[in-house]
C-alpha atoms as a PDB file:
ATOM      1  CA  MET A   1    -114.936  27.400  27.752  1.00  0.00           C
ATOM      2  CA  LYS A   2    -117.731  25.694  29.705  1.00  0.00           C
ATOM      3  CA  VAL A   3    -115.155  24.444  32.227  1.00  0.00           C
ATOM      4  CA  LYS A   4    -113.813  27.982  32.739  1.00  0.00           C
ATOM      5  CA  LEU A   5    -117.317  29.279  33.281  1.00  0.00           C
ATOM      6  CA  ASP A   6    -118.116  26.611  35.848  1.00  0.00           C
ATOM      7  CA  ASN A   7    -114.843  27.295  37.698  1.00  0.00           C
ATOM      8  CA  PHE A   8    -115.676  30.992  38.001  1.00  0.00           C
ATOM      9  CA  TYR A   9    -119.141  30.230  39.354  1.00  0.00           C
ATOM     10  CA  GLU A  10    -117.664  27.867  41.950  1.00  0.00           C
ATOM     11  CA  ILE A  11    -115.256  30.586  43.137  1.00  0.00           C
ATOM     12  CA  GLY A  12    -118.176  32.975  43.640  1.00  0.00           C
ATOM     13  CA  GLU A  13    -117.450  35.567  40.956  1.00  0.00           C
ATOM     14  CA  THR A  14    -120.226  37.892  39.842  1.00  0.00           C
ATOM     15  CA  SER A  15    -121.753  37.376  36.438  1.00  0.00           C
ATOM     16  CA  THR A  16    -120.257  40.549  34.947  1.00  0.00           C
ATOM     17  CA  THR A  17    -116.703  39.804  36.079  1.00  0.00           C
ATOM     18  CA  THR A  18    -117.090  36.207  34.926  1.00  0.00           C
ATOM     19  CA  PHE A  19    -118.260  37.380  31.525  1.00  0.00           C
ATOM     20  CA  GLN A  20    -115.307  39.772  31.237  1.00  0.00           C
ATOM     21  CA  LYS A  21    -112.811  37.073  32.188  1.00  0.00           C
ATOM     22  CA  VAL A  22    -114.208  34.551  29.713  1.00  0.00           C
ATOM     23  CA  PHE A  23    -114.877  36.828  26.737  1.00  0.00           C
ATOM     24  CA  GLY A  24    -112.515  39.720  27.471  1.00  0.00           C
ATOM     25  CA  LYS A  25    -113.240  43.365  28.184  1.00  0.00           C
ATOM     26  CA  LYS A  26    -115.474  45.458  25.985  1.00  0.00           C
ATOM     27  CA  ASN A  27    -113.687  46.350  22.755  1.00  0.00           C
ATOM     28  CA  LEU A  28    -114.201  50.018  22.050  1.00  0.00           C
ATOM     29  CA  GLY A  29    -112.622  49.945  18.579  1.00  0.00           C
ATOM     30  CA  ARG A  30    -113.949  51.271  15.309  1.00  0.00           C
ATOM     31  CA  VAL A  31    -116.901  49.812  13.455  1.00  0.00           C
ATOM     32  CA  ARG A  32    -116.249  48.622   9.926  1.00  0.00           C
ATOM     33  CA  TYR A  33    -117.703  50.531   6.976  1.00  0.00           C
ATOM     34  CA  PHE A  34    -118.580  53.586   9.082  1.00  0.00           C
ATOM     35  CA  GLY A  35    -115.275  55.439   8.949  1.00  0.00           C
ATOM     36  CA  ARG A  36    -112.748  56.417  11.561  1.00  0.00           C
ATOM     37  CA  THR A  37    -114.989  58.570  13.710  1.00  0.00           C
ATOM     38  CA  ILE A  38    -117.615  55.919  14.538  1.00  0.00           C
ATOM     39  CA  THR A  39    -116.853  53.513  17.366  1.00  0.00           C
ATOM     40  CA  LYS A  40    -119.036  50.826  18.854  1.00  0.00           C
ATOM     41  CA  ILE A  41    -120.267  53.122  21.598  1.00  0.00           C
ATOM     42  CA  SER A  42    -120.707  56.236  19.417  1.00  0.00           C
ATOM     43  CA  PRO A  43    -124.371  55.525  18.577  1.00  0.00           C
ATOM     44  CA  LYS A  44    -125.141  55.181  22.295  1.00  0.00           C
ATOM     45  CA  LYS A  45    -123.422  58.496  22.992  1.00  0.00           C
ATOM     46  CA  ASN A  46    -125.291  60.153  20.146  1.00  0.00           C
ATOM     47  CA  LYS A  47    -128.582  58.767  21.443  1.00  0.00           C
ATOM     48  CA  LYS A  48    -127.856  60.118  24.927  1.00  0.00           C
ATOM     49  CA  ILE A  49    -126.877  63.514  23.489  1.00  0.00           C
ATOM     50  CA  ASP A  50    -130.116  63.613  21.482  1.00  0.00           C
ATOM     51  CA  GLU A  51    -132.124  62.816  24.625  1.00  0.00           C
ATOM     52  CA  ILE A  52    -130.417  65.634  26.529  1.00  0.00           C
ATOM     53  CA  LYS A  53    -131.021  68.062  23.655  1.00  0.00           C
ATOM     54  CA  LYS A  54    -134.695  67.084  23.568  1.00  0.00           C
ATOM     55  CA  GLN A  55    -135.029  67.649  27.324  1.00  0.00           C
ATOM     56  CA  ASN A  56    -133.363  71.048  27.007  1.00  0.00           C
ATOM     57  CA  GLU A  57    -135.662  72.026  24.136  1.00  0.00           C
ATOM     58  CA  GLU A  58    -138.667  71.090  26.265  1.00  0.00           C
ATOM     59  CA  LYS A  59    -137.344  73.220  29.130  1.00  0.00           C
ATOM     60  CA  VAL A  60    -136.771  76.145  26.779  1.00  0.00           C
ATOM     61  CA  THR A  61    -140.307  75.933  25.397  1.00  0.00           C
ATOM     62  CA  THR A  62    -141.823  75.824  28.888  1.00  0.00           C
ATOM     63  CA  LEU A  63    -139.702  78.802  29.940  1.00  0.00           C
ATOM     64  CA  LYS A  64    -140.807  80.719  26.841  1.00  0.00           C
ATOM     65  CA  ILE A  65    -144.443  80.004  27.691  1.00  0.00           C
ATOM     66  CA  GLU A  66    -143.889  81.215  31.261  1.00  0.00           C
ATOM     67  CA  LEU A  67    -142.163  84.344  29.943  1.00  0.00           C
ATOM     68  CA  ASP A  68    -145.105  85.094  27.658  1.00  0.00           C
ATOM     69  CA  ASP A  69    -147.494  84.713  30.604  1.00  0.00           C
ATOM     70  CA  ILE A  70    -145.413  87.107  32.698  1.00  0.00           C
ATOM     71  CA  LYS A  71    -145.308  89.612  29.832  1.00  0.00           C
ATOM     72  CA  GLN A  72    -149.104  89.481  29.589  1.00  0.00           C
ATOM     73  CA  LYS A  73    -149.434  90.054  33.333  1.00  0.00           C
ATOM     74  CA  VAL A  74    -147.064  93.024  33.197  1.00  0.00           C
ATOM     75  CA  GLN A  75    -149.011  94.469  30.276  1.00  0.00           C
ATOM     76  CA  GLY A  76    -152.212  94.103  32.293  1.00  0.00           C
ATOM     77  CA  LEU A  77    -150.638  95.880  35.250  1.00  0.00           C
ATOM     78  CA  GLU A  78    -149.453  98.695  32.973  1.00  0.00           C
ATOM     79  CA  ASP A  79    -152.988  99.066  31.652  1.00  0.00           C
ATOM     80  CA  ILE A  80    -154.317  99.313  35.208  1.00  0.00           C
ATOM     81  CA  VAL A  81    -151.716 101.969  36.077  1.00  0.00           C
ATOM     82  CA  LYS A  82    -152.627 103.936  32.942  1.00  0.00           C
ATOM     83  CA  PHE A  83    -156.299 103.777  33.844  1.00  0.00           C
ATOM     84  CA  MET A  84    -155.643 104.969  37.397  1.00  0.00           C
ATOM     85  CA  LEU A  85    -153.409 107.811  36.188  1.00  0.00           C
ATOM     86  CA  ARG A  86    -156.076 108.944  33.723  1.00  0.00           C
ATOM     87  CA  GLN A  87    -158.627 109.078  36.510  1.00  0.00           C
ATOM     88  CA  THR A  88    -156.415 111.038  38.905  1.00  0.00           C
ATOM     89  CA  SER A  89    -154.931 113.508  36.424  1.00  0.00           C
ATOM     90  CA  PRO A  90    -156.597 113.569  33.004  1.00  0.00           C
ATOM     91  CA  ASP A  91    -154.315 116.274  31.586  1.00  0.00           C
ATOM     92  CA  MET A  92    -151.056 114.295  32.192  1.00  0.00           C
ATOM     93  CA  ASN A  93    -149.313 112.512  29.315  1.00  0.00           C
ATOM     94  CA  ILE A  94    -149.447 108.934  30.576  1.00  0.00           C
ATOM     95  CA  ASP A  95    -147.052 107.420  28.044  1.00  0.00           C
ATOM     96  CA  GLU A  96    -144.302 109.826  29.100  1.00  0.00           C
ATOM     97  CA  ALA A  97    -144.890 109.012  32.765  1.00  0.00           C
ATOM     98  CA  LEU A  98    -144.646 105.277  32.096  1.00  0.00           C
ATOM     99  CA  SER A  99    -141.478 105.719  30.043  1.00  0.00           C
ATOM    100  CA  LEU A 100    -139.941 107.650  32.946  1.00  0.00           C
ATOM    101  CA  LEU A 101    -140.886 104.848  35.335  1.00  0.00           C
ATOM    102  CA  ARG A 102    -139.317 102.254  33.014  1.00  0.00           C
ATOM    103  CA  PHE A 103    -136.152 104.347  32.709  1.00  0.00           C
ATOM    104  CA  LYS A 104    -135.861 104.659  36.487  1.00  0.00           C
ATOM    105  CA  GLN A 105    -136.376 100.925  36.872  1.00  0.00           C
ATOM    106  CA  LEU A 106    -133.705 100.123  34.271  1.00  0.00           C
ATOM    107  CA  SER A 107    -131.218 102.513  35.847  1.00  0.00           C
ATOM    108  CA  ALA A 108    -131.886 101.003  39.293  1.00  0.00           C
ATOM    109  CA  ASN A 109    -131.356  97.468  37.945  1.00  0.00           C
ATOM    110  CA  SER A 110    -128.086  98.361  36.217  1.00  0.00           C
ATOM    111  CA  ALA A 111    -126.616 100.044  39.303  1.00  0.00           C
END
């Protein structure tokens, strides 16, 4: 085996191709005592999948935080509009006016 290895180095092969020629390609068969569904690379795949899931969960939590901030800002703007409407016309029902504005906005978005 040492002679084969030296011959490959003299030819100028890379270390990975030399390793594959001496020891053979990676065997992707099943792992004993773990059943039919587990292969030698399954744990690596599962680890990668878990990392991706964790990254997605982090993105979802940051997006939820941003959504909550936007909701608070919108609520603040609604409060300002209510205050201004009360000052300009105290006898108007402000909640009905805001519901009409929301309805118009929803109908404009759906069209």
